[in-house]
Amino acid sequence: DMLISNWKKEAVEFEQPSKFHFLA
């Protein structure tokens, strides 16, 4: 839960919903 919450917070300013979506 903590990891997913951090991924969502840091992706607010980016196009993709998370850094793993960006890599894909």
mmCIF file of all heavy atoms, coordinates in Angstrom:
data_MODEL
# 
_entry.id   MODEL 
# 
loop_
_atom_site.group_PDB 
_atom_site.id 
_atom_site.type_symbol 
_atom_site.label_atom_id 
_atom_site.label_alt_id 
_atom_site.label_comp_id 
_atom_site.label_asym_id 
_atom_site.label_entity_id 
_atom_site.label_seq_id 
_atom_site.pdbx_PDB_ins_code 
_atom_site.Cartn_x 
_atom_site.Cartn_y 
_atom_site.Cartn_z 
_atom_site.occupancy 
_atom_site.B_iso_or_equiv 
_atom_site.pdbx_formal_charge 
_atom_site.auth_seq_id 
_atom_site.auth_comp_id 
_atom_site.auth_asym_id 
_atom_site.auth_atom_id 
_atom_site.pdbx_PDB_model_num 
ATOM 1   N N   . ASP A 1 1  ? 0.832  -1.212 0.000   1.00 0.00 ? 1  ASP A N   1 
ATOM 2   C CA  . ASP A 1 1  ? 0.000  0.000  0.000   1.00 0.00 ? 1  ASP A CA  1 
ATOM 3   C C   . ASP A 1 1  ? 0.861  1.254  0.000   1.00 0.00 ? 1  ASP A C   1 
ATOM 4   O O   . ASP A 1 1  ? 0.573  2.233  -0.692  1.00 0.00 ? 1  ASP A O   1 
ATOM 5   C CB  . ASP A 1 1  ? -0.910 -0.018 1.228   1.00 0.00 ? 1  ASP A CB  1 
ATOM 6   C CG  . ASP A 1 1  ? -2.052 0.980  1.106   1.00 0.00 ? 1  ASP A CG  1 
ATOM 7   O OD1 . ASP A 1 1  ? -2.246 1.536  0.006   1.00 0.00 ? 1  ASP A OD1 1 
ATOM 8   O OD2 . ASP A 1 1  ? -2.749 1.208  2.113   1.00 0.00 ? 1  ASP A OD2 1 
ATOM 9   N N   . MET A 1 2  ? 1.958  1.250  0.786   1.00 0.00 ? 2  MET A N   1 
ATOM 10  C CA  . MET A 1 2  ? 2.851  2.407  0.849   1.00 0.00 ? 2  MET A CA  1 
ATOM 11  C C   . MET A 1 2  ? 3.563  2.641  -0.486  1.00 0.00 ? 2  MET A C   1 
ATOM 12  O O   . MET A 1 2  ? 3.678  3.778  -0.962  1.00 0.00 ? 2  MET A O   1 
ATOM 13  C CB  . MET A 1 2  ? 3.876  2.201  1.953   1.00 0.00 ? 2  MET A CB  1 
ATOM 14  C CG  . MET A 1 2  ? 4.842  3.365  2.133   1.00 0.00 ? 2  MET A CG  1 
ATOM 15  S SD  . MET A 1 2  ? 6.232  2.934  3.197   1.00 0.00 ? 2  MET A SD  1 
ATOM 16  C CE  . MET A 1 2  ? 7.085  1.722  2.175   1.00 0.00 ? 2  MET A CE  1 
ATOM 17  N N   . LEU A 1 3  ? 4.057  1.549  -1.115  1.00 0.00 ? 3  LEU A N   1 
ATOM 18  C CA  . LEU A 1 3  ? 4.755  1.674  -2.395  1.00 0.00 ? 3  LEU A CA  1 
ATOM 19  C C   . LEU A 1 3  ? 3.837  2.253  -3.471  1.00 0.00 ? 3  LEU A C   1 
ATOM 20  O O   . LEU A 1 3  ? 4.217  3.176  -4.205  1.00 0.00 ? 3  LEU A O   1 
ATOM 21  C CB  . LEU A 1 3  ? 5.288  0.306  -2.830  1.00 0.00 ? 3  LEU A CB  1 
ATOM 22  C CG  . LEU A 1 3  ? 6.472  -0.260 -2.048  1.00 0.00 ? 3  LEU A CG  1 
ATOM 23  C CD1 . LEU A 1 3  ? 6.750  -1.692 -2.479  1.00 0.00 ? 3  LEU A CD1 1 
ATOM 24  C CD2 . LEU A 1 3  ? 7.709  0.598  -2.238  1.00 0.00 ? 3  LEU A CD2 1 
ATOM 25  N N   . ILE A 1 4  ? 2.646  1.706  -3.565  1.00 0.00 ? 4  ILE A N   1 
ATOM 26  C CA  . ILE A 1 4  ? 1.716  2.169  -4.591  1.00 0.00 ? 4  ILE A CA  1 
ATOM 27  C C   . ILE A 1 4  ? 1.323  3.624  -4.349  1.00 0.00 ? 4  ILE A C   1 
ATOM 28  O O   . ILE A 1 4  ? 1.190  4.424  -5.292  1.00 0.00 ? 4  ILE A O   1 
ATOM 29  C CB  . ILE A 1 4  ? 0.477  1.256  -4.624  1.00 0.00 ? 4  ILE A CB  1 
ATOM 30  C CG1 . ILE A 1 4  ? 0.870  -0.128 -5.157  1.00 0.00 ? 4  ILE A CG1 1 
ATOM 31  C CG2 . ILE A 1 4  ? -0.627 1.858  -5.479  1.00 0.00 ? 4  ILE A CG2 1 
ATOM 32  C CD1 . ILE A 1 4  ? -0.260 -1.113 -5.212  1.00 0.00 ? 4  ILE A CD1 1 
ATOM 33  N N   . SER A 1 5  ? 1.158  3.989  -3.095  1.00 0.00 ? 5  SER A N   1 
ATOM 34  C CA  . SER A 1 5  ? 0.826  5.374  -2.777  1.00 0.00 ? 5  SER A CA  1 
ATOM 35  C C   . SER A 1 5  ? 1.947  6.322  -3.207  1.00 0.00 ? 5  SER A C   1 
ATOM 36  O O   . SER A 1 5  ? 1.695  7.398  -3.774  1.00 0.00 ? 5  SER A O   1 
ATOM 37  C CB  . SER A 1 5  ? 0.557  5.510  -1.278  1.00 0.00 ? 5  SER A CB  1 
ATOM 38  O OG  . SER A 1 5  ? 0.283  6.846  -0.934  1.00 0.00 ? 5  SER A OG  1 
ATOM 39  N N   . ASN A 1 6  ? 3.199  5.930  -2.976  1.00 0.00 ? 6  ASN A N   1 
ATOM 40  C CA  . ASN A 1 6  ? 4.336  6.758  -3.389  1.00 0.00 ? 6  ASN A CA  1 
ATOM 41  C C   . ASN A 1 6  ? 4.439  6.846  -4.902  1.00 0.00 ? 6  ASN A C   1 
ATOM 42  O O   . ASN A 1 6  ? 4.765  7.909  -5.449  1.00 0.00 ? 6  ASN A O   1 
ATOM 43  C CB  . ASN A 1 6  ? 5.628  6.194  -2.808  1.00 0.00 ? 6  ASN A CB  1 
ATOM 44  C CG  . ASN A 1 6  ? 5.689  6.301  -1.301  1.00 0.00 ? 6  ASN A CG  1 
ATOM 45  O OD1 . ASN A 1 6  ? 5.003  7.140  -0.703  1.00 0.00 ? 6  ASN A OD1 1 
ATOM 46  N ND2 . ASN A 1 6  ? 6.497  5.467  -0.663  1.00 0.00 ? 6  ASN A ND2 1 
ATOM 47  N N   . TRP A 1 7  ? 4.177  5.743  -5.592  1.00 0.00 ? 7  TRP A N   1 
ATOM 48  C CA  . TRP A 1 7  ? 4.245  5.770  -7.054  1.00 0.00 ? 7  TRP A CA  1 
ATOM 49  C C   . TRP A 1 7  ? 3.208  6.730  -7.638  1.00 0.00 ? 7  TRP A C   1 
ATOM 50  O O   . TRP A 1 7  ? 3.484  7.441  -8.608  1.00 0.00 ? 7  TRP A O   1 
ATOM 51  C CB  . TRP A 1 7  ? 4.018  4.365  -7.619  1.00 0.00 ? 7  TRP A CB  1 
ATOM 52  C CG  . TRP A 1 7  ? 5.039  3.360  -7.187  1.00 0.00 ? 7  TRP A CG  1 
ATOM 53  C CD1 . TRP A 1 7  ? 6.273  3.627  -6.656  1.00 0.00 ? 7  TRP A CD1 1 
ATOM 54  C CD2 . TRP A 1 7  ? 4.921  1.938  -7.226  1.00 0.00 ? 7  TRP A CD2 1 
ATOM 55  N NE1 . TRP A 1 7  ? 6.928  2.459  -6.349  1.00 0.00 ? 7  TRP A NE1 1 
ATOM 56  C CE2 . TRP A 1 7  ? 6.133  1.406  -6.693  1.00 0.00 ? 7  TRP A CE2 1 
ATOM 57  C CE3 . TRP A 1 7  ? 3.938  1.060  -7.643  1.00 0.00 ? 7  TRP A CE3 1 
ATOM 58  C CZ2 . TRP A 1 7  ? 6.353  0.040  -6.585  1.00 0.00 ? 7  TRP A CZ2 1 
ATOM 59  C CZ3 . TRP A 1 7  ? 4.155  -0.300 -7.532  1.00 0.00 ? 7  TRP A CZ3 1 
ATOM 60  C CH2 . TRP A 1 7  ? 5.350  -0.812 -7.020  1.00 0.00 ? 7  TRP A CH2 1 
ATOM 61  N N   . LYS A 1 8  ? 2.036  6.735  -7.050  1.00 0.00 ? 8  LYS A N   1 
ATOM 62  C CA  . LYS A 1 8  ? 0.979  7.637  -7.539  1.00 0.00 ? 8  LYS A CA  1 
ATOM 63  C C   . LYS A 1 8  ? 1.318  9.098  -7.267  1.00 0.00 ? 8  LYS A C   1 
ATOM 64  O O   . LYS A 1 8  ? 1.060  9.975  -8.100  1.00 0.00 ? 8  LYS A O   1 
ATOM 65  C CB  . LYS A 1 8  ? -0.351 7.265  -6.892  1.00 0.00 ? 8  LYS A CB  1 
ATOM 66  C CG  . LYS A 1 8  ? -0.901 5.914  -7.330  1.00 0.00 ? 8  LYS A CG  1 
ATOM 67  C CD  . LYS A 1 8  ? -2.175 5.551  -6.588  1.00 0.00 ? 8  LYS A CD  1 
ATOM 68  C CE  . LYS A 1 8  ? -3.287 6.498  -6.925  1.00 0.00 ? 8  LYS A CE  1 
ATOM 69  N NZ  . LYS A 1 8  ? -4.557 6.123  -6.264  1.00 0.00 ? 8  LYS A NZ  1 
ATOM 70  N N   . LYS A 1 9  ? 1.916  9.374  -6.113  1.00 0.00 ? 9  LYS A N   1 
ATOM 71  C CA  . LYS A 1 9  ? 2.247  10.755 -5.770  1.00 0.00 ? 9  LYS A CA  1 
ATOM 72  C C   . LYS A 1 9  ? 3.319  11.322 -6.692  1.00 0.00 ? 9  LYS A C   1 
ATOM 73  O O   . LYS A 1 9  ? 3.219  12.456 -7.158  1.00 0.00 ? 9  LYS A O   1 
ATOM 74  C CB  . LYS A 1 9  ? 2.715  10.826 -4.316  1.00 0.00 ? 9  LYS A CB  1 
ATOM 75  C CG  . LYS A 1 9  ? 1.616  10.617 -3.297  1.00 0.00 ? 9  LYS A CG  1 
ATOM 76  C CD  . LYS A 1 9  ? 2.167  10.681 -1.884  1.00 0.00 ? 9  LYS A CD  1 
ATOM 77  C CE  . LYS A 1 9  ? 1.077  10.448 -0.849  1.00 0.00 ? 9  LYS A CE  1 
ATOM 78  N NZ  . LYS A 1 9  ? 1.615  10.470 0.545   1.00 0.00 ? 9  LYS A NZ  1 
ATOM 79  N N   . GLU A 1 10 ? 4.372  10.551 -6.955  1.00 0.00 ? 10 GLU A N   1 
ATOM 80  C CA  . GLU A 1 10 ? 5.464  11.069 -7.768  1.00 0.00 ? 10 GLU A CA  1 
ATOM 81  C C   . GLU A 1 10 ? 5.110  11.129 -9.252  1.00 0.00 ? 10 GLU A C   1 
ATOM 82  O O   . GLU A 1 10 ? 5.834  11.765 -10.026 1.00 0.00 ? 10 GLU A O   1 
ATOM 83  C CB  . GLU A 1 10 ? 6.708  10.195 -7.585  1.00 0.00 ? 10 GLU A CB  1 
ATOM 84  C CG  . GLU A 1 10 ? 6.571  8.769  -8.101  1.00 0.00 ? 10 GLU A CG  1 
ATOM 85  C CD  . GLU A 1 10 ? 7.812  7.928  -7.851  1.00 0.00 ? 10 GLU A CD  1 
ATOM 86  O OE1 . GLU A 1 10 ? 8.729  8.449  -7.175  1.00 0.00 ? 10 GLU A OE1 1 
ATOM 87  O OE2 . GLU A 1 10 ? 7.864  6.775  -8.325  1.00 0.00 ? 10 GLU A OE2 1 
ATOM 88  N N   . ALA A 1 11 ? 4.004  10.500 -9.657  1.00 0.00 ? 11 ALA A N   1 
ATOM 89  C CA  . ALA A 1 11 ? 3.600  10.517 -11.064 1.00 0.00 ? 11 ALA A CA  1 
ATOM 90  C C   . ALA A 1 11 ? 2.576  11.600 -11.367 1.00 0.00 ? 11 ALA A C   1 
ATOM 91  O O   . ALA A 1 11 ? 2.081  11.677 -12.505 1.00 0.00 ? 11 ALA A O   1 
ATOM 92  C CB  . ALA A 1 11 ? 3.039  9.144  -11.456 1.00 0.00 ? 11 ALA A CB  1 
ATOM 93  N N   . VAL A 1 12 ? 2.270  12.439 -10.378 1.00 0.00 ? 12 VAL A N   1 
ATOM 94  C CA  . VAL A 1 12 ? 1.240  13.470 -10.588 1.00 0.00 ? 12 VAL A CA  1 
ATOM 95  C C   . VAL A 1 12 ? 1.648  14.439 -11.680 1.00 0.00 ? 12 VAL A C   1 
ATOM 96  O O   . VAL A 1 12 ? 0.830  14.861 -12.506 1.00 0.00 ? 12 VAL A O   1 
ATOM 97  C CB  . VAL A 1 12 ? 0.981  14.218 -9.255  1.00 0.00 ? 12 VAL A CB  1 
ATOM 98  C CG1 . VAL A 1 12 ? 0.066  15.415 -9.497  1.00 0.00 ? 12 VAL A CG1 1 
ATOM 99  C CG2 . VAL A 1 12 ? 0.373  13.275 -8.236  1.00 0.00 ? 12 VAL A CG2 1 
ATOM 100 N N   . GLU A 1 13 ? 2.947  14.782 -11.745 1.00 0.00 ? 13 GLU A N   1 
ATOM 101 C CA  . GLU A 1 13 ? 3.421  15.777 -12.705 1.00 0.00 ? 13 GLU A CA  1 
ATOM 102 C C   . GLU A 1 13 ? 3.814  15.159 -14.042 1.00 0.00 ? 13 GLU A C   1 
ATOM 103 O O   . GLU A 1 13 ? 4.326  15.869 -14.907 1.00 0.00 ? 13 GLU A O   1 
ATOM 104 C CB  . GLU A 1 13 ? 4.608  16.523 -12.116 1.00 0.00 ? 13 GLU A CB  1 
ATOM 105 C CG  . GLU A 1 13 ? 4.288  17.258 -10.809 1.00 0.00 ? 13 GLU A CG  1 
ATOM 106 C CD  . GLU A 1 13 ? 5.506  17.938 -10.230 1.00 0.00 ? 13 GLU A CD  1 
ATOM 107 O OE1 . GLU A 1 13 ? 6.601  17.776 -10.823 1.00 0.00 ? 13 GLU A OE1 1 
ATOM 108 O OE2 . GLU A 1 13 ? 5.374  18.635 -9.212  1.00 0.00 ? 13 GLU A OE2 1 
ATOM 109 N N   . PHE A 1 14 ? 3.614  13.875 -14.201 1.00 0.00 ? 14 PHE A N   1 
ATOM 110 C CA  . PHE A 1 14 ? 4.032  13.204 -15.434 1.00 0.00 ? 14 PHE A CA  1 
ATOM 111 C C   . PHE A 1 14 ? 2.821  12.638 -16.173 1.00 0.00 ? 14 PHE A C   1 
ATOM 112 O O   . PHE A 1 14 ? 1.711  12.572 -15.634 1.00 0.00 ? 14 PHE A O   1 
ATOM 113 C CB  . PHE A 1 14 ? 5.033  12.089 -15.125 1.00 0.00 ? 14 PHE A CB  1 
ATOM 114 C CG  . PHE A 1 14 ? 6.310  12.573 -14.490 1.00 0.00 ? 14 PHE A CG  1 
ATOM 115 C CD1 . PHE A 1 14 ? 6.462  12.576 -13.110 1.00 0.00 ? 14 PHE A CD1 1 
ATOM 116 C CD2 . PHE A 1 14 ? 7.352  13.042 -15.270 1.00 0.00 ? 14 PHE A CD2 1 
ATOM 117 C CE1 . PHE A 1 14 ? 7.624  13.013 -12.513 1.00 0.00 ? 14 PHE A CE1 1 
ATOM 118 C CE2 . PHE A 1 14 ? 8.532  13.480 -14.692 1.00 0.00 ? 14 PHE A CE2 1 
ATOM 119 C CZ  . PHE A 1 14 ? 8.660  13.475 -13.302 1.00 0.00 ? 14 PHE A CZ  1 
ATOM 120 N N   . GLU A 1 15 ? 3.087  12.217 -17.393 1.00 0.00 ? 15 GLU A N   1 
ATOM 121 C CA  . GLU A 1 15 ? 1.997  11.764 -18.260 1.00 0.00 ? 15 GLU A CA  1 
ATOM 122 C C   . GLU A 1 15 ? 1.488  10.387 -17.873 1.00 0.00 ? 15 GLU A C   1 
ATOM 123 O O   . GLU A 1 15 ? 0.285  10.146 -17.837 1.00 0.00 ? 15 GLU A O   1 
ATOM 124 C CB  . GLU A 1 15 ? 2.483  11.762 -19.717 1.00 0.00 ? 15 GLU A CB  1 
ATOM 125 C CG  . GLU A 1 15 ? 1.437  11.334 -20.713 1.00 0.00 ? 15 GLU A CG  1 
ATOM 126 C CD  . GLU A 1 15 ? 1.963  11.328 -22.131 1.00 0.00 ? 15 GLU A CD  1 
ATOM 127 O OE1 . GLU A 1 15 ? 3.129  11.734 -22.333 1.00 0.00 ? 15 GLU A OE1 1 
ATOM 128 O OE2 . GLU A 1 15 ? 1.216  10.922 -23.041 1.00 0.00 ? 15 GLU A OE2 1 
ATOM 129 N N   . GLN A 1 16 ? 2.402  9.481  -17.570 1.00 0.00 ? 16 GLN A N   1 
ATOM 130 C CA  . GLN A 1 16 ? 2.032  8.101  -17.257 1.00 0.00 ? 16 GLN A CA  1 
ATOM 131 C C   . GLN A 1 16 ? 1.634  7.972  -15.784 1.00 0.00 ? 16 GLN A C   1 
ATOM 132 O O   . GLN A 1 16 ? 2.121  8.729  -14.935 1.00 0.00 ? 16 GLN A O   1 
ATOM 133 C CB  . GLN A 1 16 ? 3.190  7.154  -17.570 1.00 0.00 ? 16 GLN A CB  1 
ATOM 134 C CG  . GLN A 1 16 ? 3.606  7.141  -19.031 1.00 0.00 ? 16 GLN A CG  1 
ATOM 135 C CD  . GLN A 1 16 ? 2.517  6.614  -19.938 1.00 0.00 ? 16 GLN A CD  1 
ATOM 136 O OE1 . GLN A 1 16 ? 1.695  5.798  -19.533 1.00 0.00 ? 16 GLN A OE1 1 
ATOM 137 N NE2 . GLN A 1 16 ? 2.491  7.095  -21.176 1.00 0.00 ? 16 GLN A NE2 1 
ATOM 138 N N   . PRO A 1 17 ? 0.757  7.016  -15.446 1.00 0.00 ? 17 PRO A N   1 
ATOM 139 C CA  . PRO A 1 17 ? 0.287  6.885  -14.055 1.00 0.00 ? 17 PRO A CA  1 
ATOM 140 C C   . PRO A 1 17 ? 1.342  6.402  -13.069 1.00 0.00 ? 17 PRO A C   1 
ATOM 141 O O   . PRO A 1 17 ? 1.176  6.556  -11.870 1.00 0.00 ? 17 PRO A O   1 
ATOM 142 C CB  . PRO A 1 17 ? -0.864 5.878  -14.162 1.00 0.00 ? 17 PRO A CB  1 
ATOM 143 C CG  . PRO A 1 17 ? -0.615 5.140  -15.423 1.00 0.00 ? 17 PRO A CG  1 
ATOM 144 C CD  . PRO A 1 17 ? 0.048  6.096  -16.348 1.00 0.00 ? 17 PRO A CD  1 
ATOM 145 N N   . SER A 1 18 ? 2.439  5.807  -13.550 1.00 0.00 ? 18 SER A N   1 
ATOM 146 C CA  . SER A 1 18 ? 3.520  5.381  -12.668 1.00 0.00 ? 18 SER A CA  1 
ATOM 147 C C   . SER A 1 18 ? 4.799  5.247  -13.490 1.00 0.00 ? 18 SER A C   1 
ATOM 148 O O   . SER A 1 18 ? 4.773  5.248  -14.722 1.00 0.00 ? 18 SER A O   1 
ATOM 149 C CB  . SER A 1 18 ? 3.194  4.052  -11.975 1.00 0.00 ? 18 SER A CB  1 
ATOM 150 O OG  . SER A 1 18 ? 3.283  2.975  -12.894 1.00 0.00 ? 18 SER A OG  1 
ATOM 151 N N   . LYS A 1 19 ? 5.905  5.111  -12.783 1.00 0.00 ? 19 LYS A N   1 
ATOM 152 C CA  . LYS A 1 19 ? 7.189  4.983  -13.473 1.00 0.00 ? 19 LYS A CA  1 
ATOM 153 C C   . LYS A 1 19 ? 7.278  3.679  -14.257 1.00 0.00 ? 19 LYS A C   1 
ATOM 154 O O   . LYS A 1 19 ? 7.979  3.607  -15.279 1.00 0.00 ? 19 LYS A O   1 
ATOM 155 C CB  . LYS A 1 19 ? 8.334  5.067  -12.464 1.00 0.00 ? 19 LYS A CB  1 
ATOM 156 C CG  . LYS A 1 19 ? 8.230  4.088  -11.310 1.00 0.00 ? 19 LYS A CG  1 
ATOM 157 C CD  . LYS A 1 19 ? 9.266  4.396  -10.240 1.00 0.00 ? 19 LYS A CD  1 
ATOM 158 C CE  . LYS A 1 19 ? 9.100  3.516  -9.012  1.00 0.00 ? 19 LYS A CE  1 
ATOM 159 N NZ  . LYS A 1 19 ? 10.041 3.901  -7.924  1.00 0.00 ? 19 LYS A NZ  1 
ATOM 160 N N   . PHE A 1 20 ? 6.575  2.644  -13.815 1.00 0.00 ? 20 PHE A N   1 
ATOM 161 C CA  . PHE A 1 20 ? 6.596  1.376  -14.541 1.00 0.00 ? 20 PHE A CA  1 
ATOM 162 C C   . PHE A 1 20 ? 5.761  1.465  -15.816 1.00 0.00 ? 20 PHE A C   1 
ATOM 163 O O   . PHE A 1 20 ? 6.097  0.833  -16.824 1.00 0.00 ? 20 PHE A O   1 
ATOM 164 C CB  . PHE A 1 20 ? 6.099  0.255  -13.629 1.00 0.00 ? 20 PHE A CB  1 
ATOM 165 C CG  . PHE A 1 20 ? 6.879  0.135  -12.359 1.00 0.00 ? 20 PHE A CG  1 
ATOM 166 C CD1 . PHE A 1 20 ? 6.321  0.474  -11.140 1.00 0.00 ? 20 PHE A CD1 1 
ATOM 167 C CD2 . PHE A 1 20 ? 8.194  -0.299 -12.374 1.00 0.00 ? 20 PHE A CD2 1 
ATOM 168 C CE1 . PHE A 1 20 ? 7.037  0.377  -9.967  1.00 0.00 ? 20 PHE A CE1 1 
ATOM 169 C CE2 . PHE A 1 20 ? 8.925  -0.403 -11.202 1.00 0.00 ? 20 PHE A CE2 1 
ATOM 170 C CZ  . PHE A 1 20 ? 8.349  -0.053 -9.992  1.00 0.00 ? 20 PHE A CZ  1 
ATOM 171 N N   . HIS A 1 21 ? 4.712  2.241  -15.788 1.00 0.00 ? 21 HIS A N   1 
ATOM 172 C CA  . HIS A 1 21 ? 3.959  2.495  -17.013 1.00 0.00 ? 21 HIS A CA  1 
ATOM 173 C C   . HIS A 1 21 ? 4.815  3.281  -18.009 1.00 0.00 ? 21 HIS A C   1 
ATOM 174 O O   . HIS A 1 21 ? 4.734  3.048  -19.220 1.00 0.00 ? 21 HIS A O   1 
ATOM 175 C CB  . HIS A 1 21 ? 2.681  3.270  -16.696 1.00 0.00 ? 21 HIS A CB  1 
ATOM 176 C CG  . HIS A 1 21 ? 1.645  2.462  -15.972 1.00 0.00 ? 21 HIS A CG  1 
ATOM 177 N ND1 . HIS A 1 21 ? 1.674  2.274  -14.609 1.00 0.00 ? 21 HIS A ND1 1 
ATOM 178 C CD2 . HIS A 1 21 ? 0.557  1.780  -16.422 1.00 0.00 ? 21 HIS A CD2 1 
ATOM 179 C CE1 . HIS A 1 21 ? 0.642  1.520  -14.241 1.00 0.00 ? 21 HIS A CE1 1 
ATOM 180 N NE2 . HIS A 1 21 ? -0.055 1.216  -15.314 1.00 0.00 ? 21 HIS A NE2 1 
ATOM 181 N N   . PHE A 1 22 ? 5.640  4.204  -17.497 1.00 0.00 ? 22 PHE A N   1 
ATOM 182 C CA  . PHE A 1 22 ? 6.534  4.948  -18.391 1.00 0.00 ? 22 PHE A CA  1 
ATOM 183 C C   . PHE A 1 22 ? 7.541  4.013  -19.052 1.00 0.00 ? 22 PHE A C   1 
ATOM 184 O O   . PHE A 1 22 ? 7.803  4.107  -20.260 1.00 0.00 ? 22 PHE A O   1 
ATOM 185 C CB  . PHE A 1 22 ? 7.269  6.046  -17.615 1.00 0.00 ? 22 PHE A CB  1 
ATOM 186 C CG  . PHE A 1 22 ? 8.451  6.600  -18.362 1.00 0.00 ? 22 PHE A CG  1 
ATOM 187 C CD1 . PHE A 1 22 ? 8.262  7.494  -19.419 1.00 0.00 ? 22 PHE A CD1 1 
ATOM 188 C CD2 . PHE A 1 22 ? 9.741  6.219  -18.033 1.00 0.00 ? 22 PHE A CD2 1 
ATOM 189 C CE1 . PHE A 1 22 ? 9.352  7.989  -20.116 1.00 0.00 ? 22 PHE A CE1 1 
ATOM 190 C CE2 . PHE A 1 22 ? 10.834 6.714  -18.723 1.00 0.00 ? 22 PHE A CE2 1 
ATOM 191 C CZ  . PHE A 1 22 ? 10.639 7.609  -19.776 1.00 0.00 ? 22 PHE A CZ  1 
ATOM 192 N N   . LEU A 1 23 ? 8.157  3.113  -18.247 1.00 0.00 ? 23 LEU A N   1 
ATOM 193 C CA  . LEU A 1 23 ? 9.129  2.179  -18.825 1.00 0.00 ? 23 LEU A CA  1 
ATOM 194 C C   . LEU A 1 23 ? 8.485  1.309  -19.896 1.00 0.00 ? 23 LEU A C   1 
ATOM 195 O O   . LEU A 1 23 ? 9.077  1.067  -20.956 1.00 0.00 ? 23 LEU A O   1 
ATOM 196 C CB  . LEU A 1 23 ? 9.716  1.308  -17.722 1.00 0.00 ? 23 LEU A CB  1 
ATOM 197 C CG  . LEU A 1 23 ? 10.802 1.938  -16.842 1.00 0.00 ? 23 LEU A CG  1 
ATOM 198 C CD1 . LEU A 1 23 ? 11.144 1.017  -15.675 1.00 0.00 ? 23 LEU A CD1 1 
ATOM 199 C CD2 . LEU A 1 23 ? 12.046 2.242  -17.659 1.00 0.00 ? 23 LEU A CD2 1 
ATOM 200 N N   . ALA A 1 24 ? 7.288  0.827  -19.629 1.00 0.00 ? 24 ALA A N   1 
ATOM 201 C CA  . ALA A 1 24 ? 6.589  -0.004 -20.613 1.00 0.00 ? 24 ALA A CA  1 
ATOM 202 C C   . ALA A 1 24 ? 6.302  0.789  -21.879 1.00 0.00 ? 24 ALA A C   1 
ATOM 203 O O   . ALA A 1 24 ? 6.432  0.262  -22.998 1.00 0.00 ? 24 ALA A O   1 
ATOM 204 C CB  . ALA A 1 24 ? 5.295  -0.545 -20.014 1.00 0.00 ? 24 ALA A CB  1 
# 
